[in-house]
């Protein structure tokens, strides 16, 4: 028998097996040679393969992480500014409350003196008590004012903006 006849008989006998093998080889070839593609993260109109897509995703992720870090820093600065503002506002409210309390105390003292004078019952003991109370209040106000002045001087020295002070006189 000749070779050609043997080949054609074998092909005729195993035709579907050979067809299945050829289809399987074609599918493997198509699967290996044709890579999956999806829309690019950078240019959505362009199709990219997995390695390119992963590289774009990593770059975008790094960019977004850096942006998030920058925004978190801005939020931290803003929170610090809000905290400083709130503490300054609280100090200002405390100072206003203290001044209002002093003013109310002065009005109470003045009202007591006026009441005693108008009712005709001013006694020396009550006037002395009122005077001592007023004197204590004024001393407290003076001490508070002096303390604030000293605090400002200390703050200037800490910041290095104060002029040098020379003390003259005889040493003790």
N, C-alpha and C. Protein backbone atom coordinates (compact mmCIF):
# COMPACT_ATOMS: atom_id res chain seq x y z
N UNK A 1 0.82 -1.17 0.00
CA UNK A 1 0.00 0.00 0.00
C UNK A 1 0.87 1.24 0.00
N UNK A 2 0.34 2.16 -0.63
CA UNK A 2 1.15 3.37 -0.68
C UNK A 2 0.89 4.27 0.53
N UNK A 3 1.75 5.17 0.77
CA UNK A 3 1.73 6.04 1.96
C UNK A 3 0.51 6.96 1.96
N UNK A 4 0.17 7.46 0.83
CA UNK A 4 -0.96 8.40 0.75
C UNK A 4 -2.25 7.69 1.10
N UNK A 5 -2.43 6.52 0.66
CA UNK A 5 -3.62 5.76 0.95
C UNK A 5 -3.70 5.43 2.44
N UNK A 6 -2.63 5.12 3.07
CA UNK A 6 -2.58 4.83 4.50
C UNK A 6 -2.96 6.08 5.30
N UNK A 7 -2.46 7.21 4.91
CA UNK A 7 -2.76 8.47 5.63
C UNK A 7 -4.24 8.80 5.48
N UNK A 8 -4.78 8.70 4.30
CA UNK A 8 -6.19 9.03 4.10
C UNK A 8 -7.11 8.04 4.80
N UNK A 9 -6.75 6.76 4.84
CA UNK A 9 -7.55 5.78 5.57
C UNK A 9 -7.54 6.09 7.08
N UNK A 10 -6.38 6.46 7.58
CA UNK A 10 -6.27 6.78 9.02
C UNK A 10 -7.08 8.04 9.32
N UNK A 11 -6.98 9.01 8.45
CA UNK A 11 -7.75 10.24 8.65
C UNK A 11 -9.25 9.95 8.56
N UNK A 12 -9.64 9.11 7.67
CA UNK A 12 -11.04 8.77 7.53
C UNK A 12 -11.52 8.00 8.75
N UNK A 13 -10.72 7.12 9.27
CA UNK A 13 -11.10 6.31 10.43
C UNK A 13 -11.17 7.15 11.72
N UNK A 14 -10.23 8.12 11.91
CA UNK A 14 -10.16 8.93 13.13
C UNK A 14 -10.54 10.40 12.87
N UNK A 15 -11.45 10.62 11.95
CA UNK A 15 -11.74 11.98 11.50
C UNK A 15 -12.21 12.89 12.66
N UNK A 16 -13.12 12.46 13.51
CA UNK A 16 -13.64 13.31 14.60
C UNK A 16 -12.62 13.48 15.73
N UNK A 17 -11.81 12.49 15.96
CA UNK A 17 -10.76 12.62 16.96
C UNK A 17 -9.75 13.65 16.51
N UNK A 18 -9.35 13.56 15.26
CA UNK A 18 -8.39 14.52 14.71
C UNK A 18 -9.00 15.92 14.69
N UNK A 19 -10.27 16.03 14.32
CA UNK A 19 -10.96 17.33 14.33
C UNK A 19 -10.98 17.91 15.74
N UNK A 20 -11.26 17.09 16.75
CA UNK A 20 -11.27 17.54 18.15
C UNK A 20 -9.90 18.02 18.60
N UNK A 21 -8.85 17.28 18.19
CA UNK A 21 -7.48 17.68 18.54
C UNK A 21 -7.15 19.02 17.88
N UNK A 22 -7.53 19.20 16.62
CA UNK A 22 -7.26 20.47 15.93
C UNK A 22 -8.01 21.64 16.58
N UNK A 23 -9.26 21.39 16.96
CA UNK A 23 -10.03 22.44 17.64
C UNK A 23 -9.39 22.78 18.99
N UNK A 24 -8.96 21.77 19.74
CA UNK A 24 -8.31 21.99 21.04
C UNK A 24 -7.02 22.78 20.87
N UNK A 25 -6.21 22.41 19.86
CA UNK A 25 -4.96 23.14 19.60
C UNK A 25 -5.28 24.58 19.22
N UNK A 26 -6.30 24.78 18.40
CA UNK A 26 -6.70 26.14 18.02
C UNK A 26 -7.15 26.96 19.21
N UNK A 27 -7.89 26.32 20.11
CA UNK A 27 -8.36 27.03 21.32
C UNK A 27 -7.19 27.39 22.23
N UNK A 28 -6.25 26.46 22.38
CA UNK A 28 -5.07 26.75 23.20
C UNK A 28 -4.28 27.88 22.57
N UNK A 29 -4.07 27.84 21.29
CA UNK A 29 -3.34 28.89 20.59
C UNK A 29 -4.05 30.23 20.75
N UNK A 30 -5.38 30.24 20.58
CA UNK A 30 -6.15 31.48 20.71
C UNK A 30 -6.09 31.99 22.15
N UNK A 31 -6.16 31.07 23.12
CA UNK A 31 -6.11 31.47 24.53
C UNK A 31 -4.77 32.04 24.92
N UNK A 32 -3.71 31.50 24.37
CA UNK A 32 -2.36 31.97 24.70
C UNK A 32 -2.05 33.26 23.95
N UNK A 33 -2.41 33.34 22.71
CA UNK A 33 -2.03 34.49 21.91
C UNK A 33 -2.95 35.69 22.11
N UNK A 34 -4.18 35.51 22.49
CA UNK A 34 -5.14 36.61 22.68
C UNK A 34 -5.26 36.89 24.18
N UNK A 35 -4.73 38.03 24.60
CA UNK A 35 -4.79 38.40 26.01
C UNK A 35 -6.08 39.17 26.32
N UNK A 36 -6.52 39.08 27.57
CA UNK A 36 -7.71 39.81 28.01
C UNK A 36 -7.40 41.30 28.00
N UNK A 37 -8.41 42.08 27.65
CA UNK A 37 -8.23 43.53 27.61
C UNK A 37 -9.42 44.20 28.28
N UNK A 38 -9.15 45.37 28.84
CA UNK A 38 -10.20 46.18 29.46
C UNK A 38 -9.88 47.64 29.21
N UNK A 39 -10.82 48.51 29.57
CA UNK A 39 -10.62 49.95 29.37
C UNK A 39 -9.52 50.45 30.31
N UNK A 40 -8.70 51.33 29.80
CA UNK A 40 -7.60 51.91 30.56
C UNK A 40 -8.14 52.82 31.67
N UNK A 41 -7.43 52.88 32.78
CA UNK A 41 -7.81 53.80 33.85
C UNK A 41 -7.44 55.23 33.52
N UNK A 42 -6.39 55.39 32.72
CA UNK A 42 -5.92 56.73 32.36
C UNK A 42 -6.67 57.25 31.14
N UNK A 43 -6.79 56.40 30.11
CA UNK A 43 -7.51 56.76 28.87
C UNK A 43 -8.60 55.73 28.65
N UNK A 44 -9.82 55.97 29.13
CA UNK A 44 -10.88 54.97 29.05
C UNK A 44 -11.23 54.51 27.63
N UNK A 45 -10.91 55.27 26.62
CA UNK A 45 -11.23 54.87 25.25
C UNK A 45 -10.25 53.81 24.73
N UNK A 46 -9.11 53.64 25.38
CA UNK A 46 -8.08 52.70 24.94
C UNK A 46 -8.21 51.39 25.71
N UNK A 47 -8.02 50.28 25.01
CA UNK A 47 -8.04 48.95 25.63
C UNK A 47 -6.61 48.58 26.03
N UNK A 48 -6.47 48.04 27.25
CA UNK A 48 -5.15 47.65 27.74
C UNK A 48 -5.19 46.23 28.28
N UNK A 49 -4.02 45.61 28.36
CA UNK A 49 -3.90 44.25 28.89
C UNK A 49 -3.70 44.32 30.41
N UNK A 50 -3.71 43.17 31.04
CA UNK A 50 -3.59 43.10 32.50
C UNK A 50 -2.33 43.77 33.03
N UNK A 51 -1.14 43.51 32.49
CA UNK A 51 0.06 44.16 33.06
C UNK A 51 0.00 45.69 32.98
N UNK A 52 -0.49 46.21 31.87
CA UNK A 52 -0.61 47.66 31.72
C UNK A 52 -1.66 48.19 32.70
N UNK A 53 -2.78 47.48 32.79
CA UNK A 53 -3.85 47.89 33.71
C UNK A 53 -3.34 47.91 35.15
N UNK A 54 -2.60 46.87 35.56
CA UNK A 54 -2.06 46.81 36.93
C UNK A 54 -1.08 47.95 37.18
N UNK A 55 -0.25 48.28 36.20
CA UNK A 55 0.71 49.39 36.34
C UNK A 55 -0.04 50.71 36.51
N UNK A 56 -1.10 50.91 35.70
CA UNK A 56 -1.89 52.14 35.83
C UNK A 56 -2.58 52.20 37.19
N UNK A 57 -3.11 51.08 37.64
CA UNK A 57 -3.79 51.04 38.94
C UNK A 57 -2.81 51.36 40.06
N UNK A 58 -1.59 50.82 40.00
CA UNK A 58 -0.59 51.11 41.03
C UNK A 58 -0.22 52.59 41.03
N UNK A 59 -0.03 53.17 39.84
CA UNK A 59 0.32 54.59 39.74
C UNK A 59 -0.81 55.46 40.27
N UNK A 60 -2.05 55.15 39.89
CA UNK A 60 -3.19 55.93 40.37
C UNK A 60 -3.35 55.77 41.88
N UNK A 61 -3.13 54.55 42.38
CA UNK A 61 -3.24 54.32 43.83
C UNK A 61 -2.21 55.13 44.59
N UNK A 62 -0.98 55.18 44.09
CA UNK A 62 0.07 55.97 44.74
C UNK A 62 -0.29 57.45 44.71
N UNK A 63 -0.79 57.92 43.58
CA UNK A 63 -1.18 59.31 43.45
C UNK A 63 -2.30 59.66 44.44
N UNK A 64 -3.28 58.79 44.53
CA UNK A 64 -4.39 59.03 45.45
C UNK A 64 -3.94 58.96 46.91
N UNK A 65 -3.01 58.07 47.22
CA UNK A 65 -2.48 57.98 48.57
C UNK A 65 -1.75 59.26 48.96
N UNK A 66 -0.94 59.77 48.04
CA UNK A 66 -0.23 61.02 48.30
C UNK A 66 -1.22 62.17 48.48
N UNK A 67 -2.24 62.18 47.68
CA UNK A 67 -3.27 63.23 47.79
C UNK A 67 -3.98 63.14 49.14
N UNK A 68 -4.30 61.88 49.57
CA UNK A 68 -4.96 61.67 50.85
C UNK A 68 -4.07 62.15 51.99
N UNK A 69 -2.77 61.87 51.92
CA UNK A 69 -1.84 62.32 52.96
C UNK A 69 -1.81 63.84 53.03
N UNK A 70 -1.79 64.49 51.86
CA UNK A 70 -1.82 65.95 51.83
C UNK A 70 -3.10 66.50 52.43
N UNK A 71 -4.22 65.88 52.10
CA UNK A 71 -5.50 66.34 52.66
C UNK A 71 -5.56 66.12 54.17
N UNK A 72 -5.02 64.99 54.63
CA UNK A 72 -5.00 64.74 56.07
C UNK A 72 -4.14 65.78 56.79
N UNK A 73 -3.04 66.18 56.16
CA UNK A 73 -2.20 67.24 56.74
C UNK A 73 -2.97 68.55 56.81
N UNK A 74 -3.71 68.87 55.76
CA UNK A 74 -4.53 70.09 55.75
C UNK A 74 -5.60 70.03 56.84
N UNK A 75 -6.22 68.87 56.99
CA UNK A 75 -7.24 68.71 58.03
C UNK A 75 -6.61 68.89 59.40
N UNK A 76 -5.41 68.35 59.60
CA UNK A 76 -4.72 68.51 60.89
C UNK A 76 -4.42 69.98 61.16
N UNK A 77 -3.97 70.71 60.13
CA UNK A 77 -3.72 72.15 60.29
C UNK A 77 -5.01 72.89 60.64
N UNK A 78 -6.08 72.53 59.94
CA UNK A 78 -7.37 73.17 60.20
C UNK A 78 -7.85 72.87 61.62
N UNK A 79 -7.70 71.63 62.06
CA UNK A 79 -8.11 71.27 63.41
C UNK A 79 -7.29 72.02 64.45
N UNK A 80 -5.99 72.19 64.19
CA UNK A 80 -5.14 72.94 65.10
C UNK A 80 -5.59 74.41 65.16
N UNK A 81 -5.91 74.98 64.00
CA UNK A 81 -6.38 76.37 63.97
C UNK A 81 -7.71 76.51 64.71
N UNK A 82 -8.60 75.54 64.54
CA UNK A 82 -9.88 75.57 65.24
C UNK A 82 -9.66 75.46 66.75
N UNK A 83 -8.72 74.61 67.16
CA UNK A 83 -8.43 74.44 68.58
C UNK A 83 -7.88 75.73 69.18
N UNK A 84 -6.97 76.39 68.44
CA UNK A 84 -6.41 77.66 68.92
C UNK A 84 -7.52 78.71 69.02
N UNK A 85 -8.37 78.75 67.99
CA UNK A 85 -9.48 79.71 68.01
C UNK A 85 -10.40 79.45 69.19
N UNK A 86 -10.76 78.18 69.41
CA UNK A 86 -11.66 77.86 70.52
C UNK A 86 -11.04 78.22 71.86
N UNK A 87 -9.73 77.96 72.03
CA UNK A 87 -9.10 78.30 73.31
C UNK A 87 -9.05 79.81 73.51
N UNK A 88 -8.77 80.56 72.41
CA UNK A 88 -8.77 82.02 72.52
C UNK A 88 -10.16 82.55 72.82
N UNK A 89 -11.17 81.97 72.19
CA UNK A 89 -12.54 82.40 72.45
C UNK A 89 -12.92 82.10 73.89
N UNK A 90 -12.51 80.94 74.40
CA UNK A 90 -12.82 80.58 75.78
C UNK A 90 -12.12 81.52 76.76
N UNK A 91 -10.85 81.87 76.46
CA UNK A 91 -10.14 82.82 77.32
C UNK A 91 -10.83 84.18 77.29
N UNK A 92 -11.26 84.62 76.10
CA UNK A 92 -11.96 85.90 75.99
C UNK A 92 -13.27 85.89 76.76
N UNK A 93 -14.01 84.78 76.67
CA UNK A 93 -15.27 84.69 77.42
C UNK A 93 -15.00 84.71 78.92
N UNK A 94 -13.94 84.03 79.34
CA UNK A 94 -13.59 84.03 80.77
C UNK A 94 -13.23 85.43 81.25
N UNK A 95 -12.49 86.18 80.42
CA UNK A 95 -12.13 87.55 80.77
C UNK A 95 -13.37 88.43 80.84
N UNK A 96 -14.28 88.26 79.89
CA UNK A 96 -15.53 89.03 79.92
C UNK A 96 -16.36 88.69 81.15
N UNK A 97 -16.42 87.40 81.49
CA UNK A 97 -17.17 86.98 82.68
C UNK A 97 -16.56 87.58 83.94
N UNK A 98 -15.22 87.59 84.01
CA UNK A 98 -14.55 88.16 85.18
C UNK A 98 -14.84 89.66 85.28
N UNK A 99 -14.76 90.36 84.15
CA UNK A 99 -15.03 91.80 84.18
C UNK A 99 -16.49 92.08 84.55
N UNK A 100 -17.41 91.27 84.03
CA UNK A 100 -18.82 91.44 84.39
C UNK A 100 -19.04 91.19 85.88
N UNK A 101 -18.35 90.21 86.43
CA UNK A 101 -18.48 89.92 87.87
C UNK A 101 -17.96 91.09 88.70
N UNK A 102 -16.84 91.68 88.29
CA UNK A 102 -16.29 92.84 89.02
C UNK A 102 -17.26 94.01 88.93
N UNK A 103 -17.79 94.22 87.75
CA UNK A 103 -18.74 95.32 87.58
C UNK A 103 -19.99 95.10 88.43
N UNK A 104 -20.48 93.86 88.46
CA UNK A 104 -21.65 93.56 89.28
C UNK A 104 -21.34 93.78 90.76
N UNK A 105 -20.13 93.41 91.18
CA UNK A 105 -19.72 93.61 92.58
C UNK A 105 -19.68 95.11 92.92
N UNK A 106 -19.13 95.91 91.98
CA UNK A 106 -19.10 97.36 92.22
C UNK A 106 -20.51 97.93 92.31
N UNK A 107 -21.41 97.48 91.43
CA UNK A 107 -22.79 97.96 91.50
C UNK A 107 -23.46 97.53 92.80
N UNK A 108 -23.15 96.30 93.27
CA UNK A 108 -23.71 95.85 94.55
C UNK A 108 -23.23 96.72 95.69
N UNK A 109 -21.93 97.04 95.67
CA UNK A 109 -21.38 97.90 96.73
C UNK A 109 -22.01 99.29 96.66
N UNK A 110 -22.06 99.85 95.44
CA UNK A 110 -22.64 101.18 95.27
C UNK A 110 -24.12 101.16 95.64
N UNK A 111 -24.81 100.10 95.26
CA UNK A 111 -26.23 100.00 95.59
C UNK A 111 -26.45 99.91 97.10
N UNK A 112 -25.57 99.20 97.79
CA UNK A 112 -25.68 99.10 99.24
C UNK A 112 -25.46 100.45 99.91
N UNK A 113 -24.47 101.19 99.44
CA UNK A 113 -24.19 102.51 100.01
C UNK A 113 -25.36 103.45 99.74
N UNK A 114 -25.88 103.43 98.50
CA UNK A 114 -27.00 104.30 98.15
C UNK A 114 -28.23 103.94 98.99
N UNK A 115 -28.47 102.66 99.18
CA UNK A 115 -29.61 102.22 99.99
C UNK A 115 -29.46 102.70 101.42
N UNK A 116 -28.27 102.58 101.97
CA UNK A 116 -28.05 103.02 103.35
C UNK A 116 -28.25 104.53 103.49
N UNK A 117 -27.78 105.27 102.49
CA UNK A 117 -27.91 106.73 102.56
C UNK A 117 -29.37 107.15 102.39
N UNK A 118 -30.07 106.53 101.45
CA UNK A 118 -31.45 106.94 101.20
C UNK A 118 -32.39 106.52 102.32
N UNK A 119 -32.09 105.44 103.00
CA UNK A 119 -32.95 105.02 104.11
C UNK A 119 -32.58 105.72 105.40
N UNK A 120 -31.48 106.45 105.37
CA UNK A 120 -31.07 107.18 106.56
C UNK A 120 -30.41 106.30 107.58
N UNK A 121 -29.87 105.18 107.21
CA UNK A 121 -29.25 104.29 108.17
C UNK A 121 -27.77 104.05 107.89
N UNK A 122 -27.04 105.01 107.41
CA UNK A 122 -25.62 104.76 107.20
C UNK A 122 -24.90 104.75 108.55
N UNK A 123 -24.36 103.63 108.90
CA UNK A 123 -23.59 103.53 110.14
C UNK A 123 -22.13 103.46 109.77
N UNK A 124 -21.30 103.83 110.69
CA UNK A 124 -19.87 103.82 110.40
C UNK A 124 -19.38 102.38 110.18
N UNK A 125 -19.94 101.43 110.88
CA UNK A 125 -19.52 100.04 110.71
C UNK A 125 -19.87 99.52 109.31
N UNK A 126 -21.06 99.86 108.83
CA UNK A 126 -21.45 99.39 107.50
C UNK A 126 -20.64 100.08 106.42
N UNK A 127 -20.35 101.38 106.63
CA UNK A 127 -19.54 102.10 105.65
C UNK A 127 -18.10 101.57 105.65
N UNK A 128 -17.57 101.22 106.81
CA UNK A 128 -16.22 100.66 106.89
C UNK A 128 -16.19 99.30 106.18
N UNK A 129 -17.19 98.48 106.39
CA UNK A 129 -17.26 97.18 105.72
C UNK A 129 -17.34 97.34 104.21
N UNK A 130 -18.16 98.29 103.79
CA UNK A 130 -18.28 98.55 102.35
C UNK A 130 -16.96 99.06 101.80
N UNK A 131 -16.30 99.93 102.55
CA UNK A 131 -15.00 100.47 102.12
C UNK A 131 -13.95 99.37 102.02
N UNK A 132 -13.94 98.47 103.00
CA UNK A 132 -12.97 97.37 102.97
C UNK A 132 -13.25 96.45 101.78
N UNK A 133 -14.51 96.19 101.53
CA UNK A 133 -14.87 95.36 100.37
C UNK A 133 -14.43 96.03 99.07
N UNK A 134 -14.70 97.33 98.96
CA UNK A 134 -14.31 98.07 97.74
C UNK A 134 -12.79 98.10 97.62
N UNK A 135 -12.09 98.31 98.74
CA UNK A 135 -10.63 98.33 98.71
C UNK A 135 -10.08 96.96 98.27
N UNK A 136 -10.64 95.88 98.79
CA UNK A 136 -10.20 94.54 98.38
C UNK A 136 -10.46 94.30 96.91
N UNK A 137 -11.60 94.77 96.44
CA UNK A 137 -11.92 94.62 95.02
C UNK A 137 -10.95 95.40 94.16
N UNK A 138 -10.64 96.64 94.56
CA UNK A 138 -9.70 97.44 93.78
C UNK A 138 -8.29 96.86 93.82
N UNK A 139 -7.89 96.32 94.98
CA UNK A 139 -6.58 95.67 95.07
C UNK A 139 -6.52 94.45 94.14
N UNK A 140 -7.59 93.70 94.11
CA UNK A 140 -7.65 92.54 93.21
C UNK A 140 -7.55 92.96 91.76
N UNK A 141 -8.25 94.04 91.40
CA UNK A 141 -8.16 94.55 90.02
C UNK A 141 -6.75 95.00 89.69
N UNK A 142 -6.11 95.69 90.63
CA UNK A 142 -4.73 96.15 90.41
C UNK A 142 -3.78 94.98 90.24
N UNK A 143 -3.94 93.96 91.09
CA UNK A 143 -3.06 92.78 90.99
C UNK A 143 -3.27 92.06 89.66
N UNK A 144 -4.52 91.97 89.22
CA UNK A 144 -4.79 91.32 87.95
C UNK A 144 -4.18 92.10 86.79
N UNK A 145 -4.30 93.43 86.82
CA UNK A 145 -3.72 94.26 85.77
C UNK A 145 -2.20 94.15 85.77
N UNK A 146 -1.60 94.15 86.96
CA UNK A 146 -0.14 94.02 87.06
C UNK A 146 0.31 92.66 86.54
N UNK A 147 -0.44 91.63 86.86
CA UNK A 147 -0.10 90.28 86.39
C UNK A 147 -0.17 90.21 84.87
N UNK A 148 -1.17 90.83 84.28
CA UNK A 148 -1.28 90.83 82.81
C UNK A 148 -0.11 91.59 82.18
N UNK A 149 0.30 92.71 82.80
CA UNK A 149 1.44 93.47 82.27
C UNK A 149 2.71 92.64 82.33
N UNK A 150 2.91 91.95 83.46
CA UNK A 150 4.10 91.10 83.60
C UNK A 150 4.07 89.95 82.59
N UNK A 151 2.90 89.38 82.36
CA UNK A 151 2.78 88.29 81.38
C UNK A 151 3.17 88.77 79.98
N UNK A 152 2.79 89.98 79.64
CA UNK A 152 3.15 90.52 78.33
C UNK A 152 4.65 90.73 78.22
N UNK A 153 5.28 91.22 79.28
CA UNK A 153 6.73 91.42 79.28
C UNK A 153 7.45 90.07 79.14
N UNK A 154 6.99 89.07 79.89
CA UNK A 154 7.59 87.74 79.82
C UNK A 154 7.43 87.17 78.41
N UNK A 155 6.28 87.36 77.82
CA UNK A 155 6.04 86.86 76.46
C UNK A 155 6.97 87.54 75.46
N UNK A 156 7.20 88.84 75.63
CA UNK A 156 8.12 89.55 74.73
C UNK A 156 9.54 89.03 74.90
N UNK A 157 9.94 88.75 76.13
CA UNK A 157 11.29 88.23 76.37
C UNK A 157 11.42 86.84 75.75
N UNK A 158 10.42 86.01 75.89
CA UNK A 158 10.46 84.67 75.30
C UNK A 158 10.57 84.74 73.78
N UNK A 159 9.86 85.67 73.17
CA UNK A 159 9.88 85.80 71.72
C UNK A 159 11.11 86.54 71.22
N UNK A 160 11.87 87.15 72.14
CA UNK A 160 13.07 87.87 71.75
C UNK A 160 12.79 89.24 71.18
N UNK A 161 11.60 89.80 71.46
CA UNK A 161 11.25 91.12 70.91
C UNK A 161 11.39 92.23 71.94
N UNK A 162 11.72 91.89 73.15
CA UNK A 162 11.83 92.91 74.20
C UNK A 162 13.20 93.56 74.15
N UNK A 163 13.23 94.82 74.50
CA UNK A 163 14.49 95.54 74.58
C UNK A 163 15.22 95.11 75.86
N UNK A 164 16.53 95.26 75.86
CA UNK A 164 17.30 94.89 77.04
C UNK A 164 17.04 95.91 78.12
N UNK A 165 16.81 95.43 79.33
CA UNK A 165 16.53 96.30 80.46
C UNK A 165 17.78 96.39 81.30
N UNK A 166 18.22 97.63 81.64
CA UNK A 166 19.38 97.84 82.48
C UNK A 166 18.91 98.39 83.80
N UNK A 167 19.33 97.77 84.85
CA UNK A 167 18.95 98.21 86.20
C UNK A 167 20.12 98.96 86.78
N UNK A 168 19.84 100.17 87.24
CA UNK A 168 20.89 100.97 87.84
C UNK A 168 20.61 101.13 89.31
N UNK A 169 21.60 101.42 90.05
CA UNK A 169 21.43 101.60 91.50
C UNK A 169 22.53 100.86 92.23
N UNK A 170 22.46 100.97 93.50
CA UNK A 170 23.50 100.32 94.32
C UNK A 170 23.07 98.92 94.64
N UNK A 171 24.00 97.97 94.55
CA UNK A 171 23.65 96.60 94.90
C UNK A 171 23.43 96.45 96.39
N UNK A 172 22.56 95.58 96.77
CA UNK A 172 22.25 95.41 98.19
C UNK A 172 23.29 94.56 98.87
